[in-house]
Amino acid sequence: MNLHKILTNLKHNKKRPFGDWDKIHQEVAKAIGTKYFCVVSANGTDDYGQPNDAWFHDDLHYRLLSFYEPTWECYVAYLQCSQQLTFAQWTDGEKQVARRIGLSNFEYWSPDGACWKPAGNNALDFVGNMEYRLKLSYKLPSELWNCVVELETQLVHLDDVLNTHVGAMRTFGTGATRNTDVNKLDYEGFLSPTVLKRYAEYLHKHRVQADGNIRESDNWQKGIPKDVYMKSAFRHFMDVWSCHRGVGNADLEESLCATLFNLMGYLHEVLKGDSK
């Protein structure tokens, strides 16, 4: 059962008092806090609003408010409970949180010894077919405890805090260590070598000028007016669009590369601060 299913159960639960919930449901509920729950009548027909107590009572029925979205506290409570799931079975959200917390703060289940063992020194990263849980002693950095925003927003805006306080070092199997690569630009993943090679071939082909001379490869960086880039980009995009619609006879790869050149040149001028 993943966190999504647990939250769905808590949002629709009207039949069982808190004392009858299993451990993982109770721990997740406690991490969420009573302010996001309402008390439900014993027969499940009426909601009595948010509880005034700071804690849950075993004999009362509770339902999670429908608008609640998981926060870091909620994920930590879930990851600290024994999963009985392999890492490959976790949801993308659970994997993202776990990786930002860092492997050194997790334990893995060792079936041969029937016990939990520290994970940090035994693996480079999470292994898909192994079960992990967050160490019960783990506490979130204090900077995160009061952040009540959706998970996706937190992952974007709290990376700096996480890099400073959570899993900030990577330890490789050889013993070598490096800072985490979170928040570092991933050129290898963002760019396609196939596209860059084809684009370079296009640029190299067009280095020959009308007068027969060969222009320098970075000649365009000396500055071309943005109006020129815009008009040229529009012409080449029309060729791309016509090919896409099946009504053009232009070379599609050439037209795409030409459009890319003009857009890149325009952006270059923008970043230079040229207003013309």
Foldseek 3Di string as FASTA:
>chain_A
DAPVVLLVCQQPWQAAFQLPDDPLSQLLDLLVWQQQKFWADNVRDDTDHTDPDRHGDRRTTIHGHPPAADALSNLQSNLQDFDVAFQLPYDPLNQLSDVLQAQQQKWWADVVVRDTHGRQQPAQGGDRGTTMGGHPPDDDPPVRSPDRDHSVVCLVPVSVVSCVPGRQKGAHNVRDIDGDCPPPDDCVVVDDPVLVVLLVVLLQVPQQDPVRDGHDSCPLLVDDDLVVLVVQLVVLVVQLVCVVVVNHDDDNSNSVSSNVVSVVSNVSCVVVVPPD
